[in-house]
Amino acid sequence: MTDQRRRSVQHGNSGDIWIVYHDSWADNNILGVFDSAEEAMEFQEQVSPEFPHGALLTPFHVPWRYNDHVTELTME
């Protein structure tokens, strides 16, 4: 990944995921979902040649995530 490419991506906030997708045709647009911009950019560069319009990248804010940790919720 080039330094110019790194600088051109807007970095997301904490809690963001990164989505790699294409708009070359209407079906199956999402190609991958990543925790970091670096991983997403690396994947984007690998798959871009496979699509006429290339692959696109965008951050998406996720307010919470399900994981293997226990989270206790209480109602007051």
PDB file of N, CA and C in Angstrom:
ATOM      1  N   MET A   1       0.847  -1.172   0.000  1.00  0.00           N
ATOM      2  CA  MET A   1       0.000   0.000   0.000  1.00  0.00           C
ATOM      3  C   MET A   1       0.895   1.237   0.000  1.00  0.00           C
ATOM      4  N   THR A   2       0.594   2.184  -0.850  1.00  0.00           N
ATOM      5  CA  THR A   2       1.429   3.373  -0.969  1.00  0.00           C
ATOM      6  C   THR A   2       1.101   4.376   0.127  1.00  0.00           C
ATOM      7  N   ASP A   3       2.079   5.233   0.439  1.00  0.00           N
ATOM      8  CA  ASP A   3       1.848   6.272   1.439  1.00  0.00           C
ATOM      9  C   ASP A   3       0.759   7.231   0.980  1.00  0.00           C
ATOM     10  N   GLN A   4       0.743   7.525  -0.315  1.00  0.00           N
ATOM     11  CA  GLN A   4      -0.290   8.413  -0.846  1.00  0.00           C
ATOM     12  C   GLN A   4      -1.674   7.809  -0.633  1.00  0.00           C
ATOM     13  N   ARG A   5      -1.808   6.509  -0.850  1.00  0.00           N
ATOM     14  CA  ARG A   5      -3.087   5.820  -0.660  1.00  0.00           C
ATOM     15  C   ARG A   5      -3.495   5.867   0.804  1.00  0.00           C
ATOM     16  N   ARG A   6      -2.540   5.661   1.713  1.00  0.00           N
ATOM     17  CA  ARG A   6      -2.840   5.724   3.149  1.00  0.00           C
ATOM     18  C   ARG A   6      -3.369   7.098   3.540  1.00  0.00           C
ATOM     19  N   ARG A   7      -2.728   8.140   3.010  1.00  0.00           N
ATOM     20  CA  ARG A   7      -3.146   9.504   3.360  1.00  0.00           C
ATOM     21  C   ARG A   7      -4.504   9.857   2.778  1.00  0.00           C
ATOM     22  N   SER A   8      -4.879   9.226   1.667  1.00  0.00           N
ATOM     23  CA  SER A   8      -6.122   9.600   1.003  1.00  0.00           C
ATOM     24  C   SER A   8      -7.368   9.021   1.682  1.00  0.00           C
ATOM     25  N   VAL A   9      -7.186   8.018   2.530  1.00  0.00           N
ATOM     26  CA  VAL A   9      -8.337   7.403   3.211  1.00  0.00           C
ATOM     27  C   VAL A   9      -8.636   8.179   4.478  1.00  0.00           C
ATOM     28  N   GLN A  10      -9.895   8.509   4.658  1.00  0.00           N
ATOM     29  CA  GLN A  10     -10.296   9.159   5.898  1.00  0.00           C
ATOM     30  C   GLN A  10     -10.358   8.091   6.973  1.00  0.00           C
ATOM     31  N   HIS A  11      -9.653   8.308   8.050  1.00  0.00           N
ATOM     32  CA  HIS A  11      -9.640   7.313   9.119  1.00  0.00           C
ATOM     33  C   HIS A  11     -10.907   7.439   9.954  1.00  0.00           C
ATOM     34  N   GLY A  12     -11.460   6.308  10.317  1.00  0.00           N
ATOM     35  CA  GLY A  12     -12.688   6.268  11.093  1.00  0.00           C
ATOM     36  C   GLY A  12     -12.423   6.494  12.564  1.00  0.00           C
ATOM     37  N   ASN A  13     -13.486   6.514  13.322  1.00  0.00           N
ATOM     38  CA  ASN A  13     -13.418   6.704  14.764  1.00  0.00           C
ATOM     39  C   ASN A  13     -13.370   5.362  15.466  1.00  0.00           C
ATOM     40  N   SER A  14     -13.121   5.407  16.766  1.00  0.00           N
ATOM     41  CA  SER A  14     -13.185   4.194  17.565  1.00  0.00           C
ATOM     42  C   SER A  14     -14.588   3.615  17.442  1.00  0.00           C
ATOM     43  N   GLY A  15     -14.691   2.325  17.277  1.00  0.00           N
ATOM     44  CA  GLY A  15     -15.991   1.700  17.101  1.00  0.00           C
ATOM     45  C   GLY A  15     -16.395   1.554  15.649  1.00  0.00           C
ATOM     46  N   ASP A  16     -15.536   1.998  14.727  1.00  0.00           N
ATOM     47  CA  ASP A  16     -15.840   1.860  13.308  1.00  0.00           C
ATOM     48  C   ASP A  16     -15.380   0.507  12.791  1.00  0.00           C
ATOM     49  N   ILE A  17     -16.099   0.009  11.817  1.00  0.00           N
ATOM     50  CA  ILE A  17     -15.640  -1.112  11.016  1.00  0.00           C
ATOM     51  C   ILE A  17     -15.392  -0.562   9.622  1.00  0.00           C
ATOM     52  N   TRP A  18     -14.679  -1.307   8.805  1.00  0.00           N
ATOM     53  CA  TRP A  18     -14.352  -0.863   7.459  1.00  0.00           C
ATOM     54  C   TRP A  18     -14.957  -1.836   6.476  1.00  0.00           C
ATOM     55  N   ILE A  19     -15.705  -1.319   5.511  1.00  0.00           N
ATOM     56  CA  ILE A  19     -16.391  -2.143   4.526  1.00  0.00           C
ATOM     57  C   ILE A  19     -15.741  -1.931   3.157  1.00  0.00           C
ATOM     58  N   VAL A  20     -15.368  -3.034   2.531  1.00  0.00           N
ATOM     59  CA  VAL A  20     -14.856  -3.010   1.159  1.00  0.00           C
ATOM     60  C   VAL A  20     -15.994  -3.519   0.278  1.00  0.00           C
ATOM     61  N   TYR A  21     -16.329  -2.748  -0.762  1.00  0.00           N
ATOM     62  CA  TYR A  21     -17.461  -3.093  -1.622  1.00  0.00           C
ATOM     63  C   TYR A  21     -17.183  -2.635  -3.048  1.00  0.00           C
ATOM     64  N   HIS A  22     -18.075  -2.993  -3.947  1.00  0.00           N
ATOM     65  CA  HIS A  22     -17.948  -2.542  -5.332  1.00  0.00           C
ATOM     66  C   HIS A  22     -19.317  -2.072  -5.821  1.00  0.00           C
ATOM     67  N   ASP A  23     -19.310  -1.288  -6.893  1.00  0.00           N
ATOM     68  CA  ASP A  23     -20.569  -0.833  -7.496  1.00  0.00           C
ATOM     69  C   ASP A  23     -20.607  -1.174  -8.981  1.00  0.00           C
ATOM     70  N   SER A  24     -19.907  -2.244  -9.344  1.00  0.00           N
ATOM     71  CA  SER A  24     -19.839  -2.637 -10.748  1.00  0.00           C
ATOM     72  C   SER A  24     -21.123  -3.294 -11.235  1.00  0.00           C
ATOM     73  N   TRP A  25     -21.853  -3.938 -10.359  1.00  0.00           N
ATOM     74  CA  TRP A  25     -23.174  -4.497 -10.678  1.00  0.00           C
ATOM     75  C   TRP A  25     -23.983  -4.567  -9.403  1.00  0.00           C
ATOM     76  N   ALA A  26     -25.242  -4.904  -9.502  1.00  0.00           N
ATOM     77  CA  ALA A  26     -26.181  -4.745  -8.386  1.00  0.00           C
ATOM     78  C   ALA A  26     -26.099  -5.827  -7.306  1.00  0.00           C
ATOM     79  N   ASP A  27     -25.608  -7.006  -7.607  1.00  0.00           N
ATOM     80  CA  ASP A  27     -25.649  -8.103  -6.641  1.00  0.00           C
ATOM     81  C   ASP A  27     -24.321  -8.311  -5.934  1.00  0.00           C
ATOM     82  N   ASN A  28     -24.428  -8.768  -4.676  1.00  0.00           N
ATOM     83  CA  ASN A  28     -23.246  -9.161  -3.885  1.00  0.00           C
ATOM     84  C   ASN A  28     -22.185  -8.068  -3.838  1.00  0.00           C
ATOM     85  N   ASN A  29     -22.580  -6.889  -3.418  1.00  0.00           N
ATOM     86  CA  ASN A  29     -21.679  -5.743  -3.448  1.00  0.00           C
ATOM     87  C   ASN A  29     -20.628  -5.745  -2.344  1.00  0.00           C
ATOM     88  N   ILE A  30     -20.951  -6.269  -1.158  1.00  0.00           N
ATOM     89  CA  ILE A  30     -20.001  -6.227  -0.044  1.00  0.00           C
ATOM     90  C   ILE A  30     -18.994  -7.349  -0.215  1.00  0.00           C
ATOM     91  N   LEU A  31     -17.728  -6.988  -0.221  1.00  0.00           N
ATOM     92  CA  LEU A  31     -16.648  -7.950  -0.438  1.00  0.00           C
ATOM     93  C   LEU A  31     -15.962  -8.354   0.853  1.00  0.00           C
ATOM     94  N   GLY A  32     -15.981  -7.474   1.852  1.00  0.00           N
ATOM     95  CA  GLY A  32     -15.328  -7.781   3.121  1.00  0.00           C
ATOM     96  C   GLY A  32     -15.603  -6.716   4.157  1.00  0.00           C
ATOM     97  N   VAL A  33     -15.530  -7.133   5.428  1.00  0.00           N
ATOM     98  CA  VAL A  33     -15.731  -6.230   6.568  1.00  0.00           C
ATOM     99  C   VAL A  33     -14.538  -6.426   7.499  1.00  0.00           C
ATOM    100  N   PHE A  34     -13.913  -5.313   7.900  1.00  0.00           N
ATOM    101  CA  PHE A  34     -12.651  -5.386   8.631  1.00  0.00           C
ATOM    102  C   PHE A  34     -12.673  -4.490   9.866  1.00  0.00           C
ATOM    103  N   ASP A  35     -11.835  -4.839  10.847  1.00  0.00           N
ATOM    104  CA  ASP A  35     -11.701  -4.056  12.076  1.00  0.00           C
ATOM    105  C   ASP A  35     -10.808  -2.839  11.913  1.00  0.00           C
ATOM    106  N   SER A  36      -9.908  -2.870  10.937  1.00  0.00           N
ATOM    107  CA  SER A  36      -8.980  -1.743  10.800  1.00  0.00           C
ATOM    108  C   SER A  36      -8.911  -1.267   9.353  1.00  0.00           C
ATOM    109  N   ALA A  37      -8.578  -0.002   9.207  1.00  0.00           N
ATOM    110  CA  ALA A  37      -8.438   0.586   7.876  1.00  0.00           C
ATOM    111  C   ALA A  37      -7.287  -0.067   7.113  1.00  0.00           C
ATOM    112  N   GLU A  38      -6.211  -0.406   7.806  1.00  0.00           N
ATOM    113  CA  GLU A  38      -5.052  -0.995   7.148  1.00  0.00           C
ATOM    114  C   GLU A  38      -5.403  -2.336   6.512  1.00  0.00           C
ATOM    115  N   GLU A  39      -6.112  -3.190   7.263  1.00  0.00           N
ATOM    116  CA  GLU A  39      -6.520  -4.495   6.724  1.00  0.00           C
ATOM    117  C   GLU A  39      -7.455  -4.310   5.529  1.00  0.00           C
ATOM    118  N   ALA A  40      -8.384  -3.385   5.667  1.00  0.00           N
ATOM    119  CA  ALA A  40      -9.348  -3.136   4.597  1.00  0.00           C
ATOM    120  C   ALA A  40      -8.660  -2.615   3.342  1.00  0.00           C
ATOM    121  N   MET A  41      -7.709  -1.696   3.489  1.00  0.00           N
ATOM    122  CA  MET A  41      -6.999  -1.152   2.326  1.00  0.00           C
ATOM    123  C   MET A  41      -6.172  -2.217   1.629  1.00  0.00           C
ATOM    124  N   GLU A  42      -5.550  -3.091   2.402  1.00  0.00           N
ATOM    125  CA  GLU A  42      -4.760  -4.167   1.805  1.00  0.00           C
ATOM    126  C   GLU A  42      -5.661  -5.087   0.969  1.00  0.00           C
ATOM    127  N   PHE A  43      -6.811  -5.457   1.522  1.00  0.00           N
ATOM    128  CA  PHE A  43      -7.764  -6.302   0.799  1.00  0.00           C
ATOM    129  C   PHE A  43      -8.308  -5.575  -0.428  1.00  0.00           C
ATOM    130  N   GLN A  44      -8.638  -4.301  -0.263  1.00  0.00           N
ATOM    131  CA  GLN A  44      -9.158  -3.491  -1.369  1.00  0.00           C
ATOM    132  C   GLN A  44      -8.185  -3.495  -2.544  1.00  0.00           C
ATOM    133  N   GLU A  45      -6.919  -3.316  -2.262  1.00  0.00           N
ATOM    134  CA  GLU A  45      -5.914  -3.305  -3.326  1.00  0.00           C
ATOM    135  C   GLU A  45      -5.816  -4.660  -4.028  1.00  0.00           C
ATOM    136  N   GLN A  46      -6.030  -5.743  -3.272  1.00  0.00           N
ATOM    137  CA  GLN A  46      -5.954  -7.082  -3.859  1.00  0.00           C
ATOM    138  C   GLN A  46      -7.123  -7.367  -4.792  1.00  0.00           C
ATOM    139  N   VAL A  47      -8.340  -6.933  -4.421  1.00  0.00           N
ATOM    140  CA  VAL A  47      -9.529  -7.304  -5.189  1.00  0.00           C
ATOM    141  C   VAL A  47      -9.944  -6.270  -6.228  1.00  0.00           C
ATOM    142  N   SER A  48      -9.452  -5.056  -6.152  1.00  0.00           N
ATOM    143  CA  SER A  48      -9.861  -3.995  -7.090  1.00  0.00           C
ATOM    144  C   SER A  48      -9.751  -4.380  -8.559  1.00  0.00           C
ATOM    145  N   PRO A  49      -8.688  -5.049  -8.978  1.00  0.00           N
ATOM    146  CA  PRO A  49      -8.573  -5.390 -10.405  1.00  0.00           C
ATOM    147  C   PRO A  49      -9.677  -6.324 -10.919  1.00  0.00           C
ATOM    148  N   GLU A  50     -10.381  -6.988 -10.021  1.00  0.00           N
ATOM    149  CA  GLU A  50     -11.416  -7.940 -10.429  1.00  0.00           C
ATOM    150  C   GLU A  50     -12.732  -7.268 -10.840  1.00  0.00           C
ATOM    151  N   PHE A  51     -12.853  -5.964 -10.603  1.00  0.00           N
ATOM    152  CA  PHE A  51     -14.112  -5.263 -10.856  1.00  0.00           C
ATOM    153  C   PHE A  51     -13.880  -4.073 -11.781  1.00  0.00           C
ATOM    154  N   PRO A  52     -14.794  -3.868 -12.744  1.00  0.00           N
ATOM    155  CA  PRO A  52     -14.625  -2.776 -13.717  1.00  0.00           C
ATOM    156  C   PRO A  52     -14.461  -1.399 -13.076  1.00  0.00           C
ATOM    157  N   HIS A  53     -15.147  -1.136 -11.981  1.00  0.00           N
ATOM    158  CA  HIS A  53     -15.069   0.173 -11.306  1.00  0.00           C
ATOM    159  C   HIS A  53     -14.143   0.120 -10.095  1.00  0.00           C
ATOM    160  N   GLY A  54     -13.454  -1.000  -9.898  1.00  0.00           N
ATOM    161  CA  GLY A  54     -12.578  -1.159  -8.749  1.00  0.00           C
ATOM    162  C   GLY A  54     -13.367  -1.461  -7.490  1.00  0.00           C
ATOM    163  N   ALA A  55     -12.676  -1.529  -6.374  1.00  0.00           N
ATOM    164  CA  ALA A  55     -13.299  -1.752  -5.074  1.00  0.00           C
ATOM    165  C   ALA A  55     -13.256  -0.447  -4.285  1.00  0.00           C
ATOM    166  N   LEU A  56     -14.280  -0.217  -3.511  1.00  0.00           N
ATOM    167  CA  LEU A  56     -14.404   1.004  -2.719  1.00  0.00           C
ATOM    168  C   LEU A  56     -14.261   0.666  -1.247  1.00  0.00           C
ATOM    169  N   LEU A  57     -14.015   1.674  -0.430  1.00  0.00           N
ATOM    170  CA  LEU A  57     -13.767   1.484   0.996  1.00  0.00           C
ATOM    171  C   LEU A  57     -14.470   2.579   1.773  1.00  0.00           C
ATOM    172  N   THR A  58     -15.145   2.195   2.852  1.00  0.00           N
ATOM    173  CA  THR A  58     -15.797   3.196   3.684  1.00  0.00           C
ATOM    174  C   THR A  58     -15.852   2.737   5.129  1.00  0.00           C
ATOM    175  N   PRO A  59     -15.705   3.670   6.091  1.00  0.00           N
ATOM    176  CA  PRO A  59     -15.908   3.301   7.494  1.00  0.00           C
ATOM    177  C   PRO A  59     -17.401   3.311   7.813  1.00  0.00           C
ATOM    178  N   PHE A  60     -17.793   2.513   8.769  1.00  0.00           N
ATOM    179  CA  PHE A  60     -19.182   2.469   9.212  1.00  0.00           C
ATOM    180  C   PHE A  60     -19.163   2.344  10.721  1.00  0.00           C
ATOM    181  N   HIS A  61     -19.845   3.258  11.408  1.00  0.00           N
ATOM    182  CA  HIS A  61     -19.837   3.249  12.868  1.00  0.00           C
ATOM    183  C   HIS A  61     -20.773   2.180  13.408  1.00  0.00           C
ATOM    184  N   VAL A  62     -20.258   1.373  14.313  1.00  0.00           N
ATOM    185  CA  VAL A  62     -21.046   0.342  14.988  1.00  0.00           C
ATOM    186  C   VAL A  62     -21.084   0.718  16.464  1.00  0.00           C
ATOM    187  N   PRO A  63     -22.260   1.062  16.996  1.00  0.00           N
ATOM    188  CA  PRO A  63     -22.328   1.532  18.378  1.00  0.00           C
ATOM    189  C   PRO A  63     -22.022   0.448  19.406  1.00  0.00           C
ATOM    190  N   TRP A  64     -22.198  -0.807  19.044  1.00  0.00           N
ATOM    191  CA  TRP A  64     -21.850  -1.908  19.934  1.00  0.00           C
ATOM    192  C   TRP A  64     -21.598  -3.146  19.096  1.00  0.00           C
ATOM    193  N   ARG A  65     -20.898  -4.102  19.697  1.00  0.00           N
ATOM    194  CA  ARG A  65     -20.594  -5.356  19.011  1.00  0.00           C
ATOM    195  C   ARG A  65     -20.856  -6.521  19.955  1.00  0.00           C
ATOM    196  N   TYR A  66     -21.308  -7.612  19.397  1.00  0.00           N
ATOM    197  CA  TYR A  66     -21.442  -8.844  20.155  1.00  0.00           C
ATOM    198  C   TYR A  66     -20.107  -9.570  20.103  1.00  0.00           C
ATOM    199  N   ASN A  67     -19.637 -10.015  21.244  1.00  0.00           N
ATOM    200  CA  ASN A  67     -18.411 -10.807  21.278  1.00  0.00           C
ATOM    201  C   ASN A  67     -18.562 -11.892  22.337  1.00  0.00           C
ATOM    202  N   ASP A  68     -17.506 -12.577  22.649  1.00  0.00           N
ATOM    203  CA  ASP A  68     -17.567 -13.681  23.604  1.00  0.00           C
ATOM    204  C   ASP A  68     -17.560 -13.225  25.056  1.00  0.00           C
ATOM    205  N   HIS A  69     -17.432 -11.957  25.295  1.00  0.00           N
ATOM    206  CA  HIS A  69     -17.416 -11.450  26.663  1.00  0.00           C
ATOM    207  C   HIS A  69     -18.842 -11.319  27.192  1.00  0.00           C
ATOM    208  N   VAL A  70     -18.986 -11.448  28.492  1.00  0.00           N
ATOM    209  CA  VAL A  70     -20.302 -11.320  29.109  1.00  0.00           C
ATOM    210  C   VAL A  70     -20.546  -9.854  29.421  1.00  0.00           C
ATOM    211  N   THR A  71     -21.697  -9.368  29.018  1.00  0.00           N
ATOM    212  CA  THR A  71     -22.100  -7.997  29.315  1.00  0.00           C
ATOM    213  C   THR A  71     -23.381  -8.060  30.129  1.00  0.00           C
ATOM    214  N   GLU A  72     -23.350  -7.452  31.302  1.00  0.00           N
ATOM    215  CA  GLU A  72     -24.525  -7.477  32.160  1.00  0.00           C
ATOM    216  C   GLU A  72     -25.325  -6.197  31.945  1.00  0.00           C
ATOM    217  N   LEU A  73     -26.599  -6.348  31.658  1.00  0.00           N
ATOM    218  CA  LEU A  73     -27.502  -5.208  31.485  1.00  0.00           C
ATOM    219  C   LEU A  73     -28.472  -5.197  32.645  1.00  0.00           C
ATOM    220  N   THR A  74     -28.690  -4.021  33.201  1.00  0.00           N
ATOM    221  CA  THR A  74     -29.660  -3.897  34.297  1.00  0.00           C
ATOM    222  C   THR A  74     -30.674  -2.837  33.939  1.00  0.00           C
ATOM    223  N   MET A  75     -31.893  -3.041  34.379  1.00  0.00           N
ATOM    224  CA  MET A  75     -32.968  -2.076  34.156  1.00  0.00           C
ATOM    225  C   MET A  75     -33.239  -1.386  35.480  1.00  0.00           C
ATOM    226  N   GLU A  76     -33.282  -0.086  35.452  1.00  0.00           N
ATOM    227  CA  GLU A  76     -33.565   0.674  36.664  1.00  0.00           C
ATOM    228  C   GLU A  76     -34.881   1.394  36.544  1.00  0.00           C
TER     229      GLU A  76
END
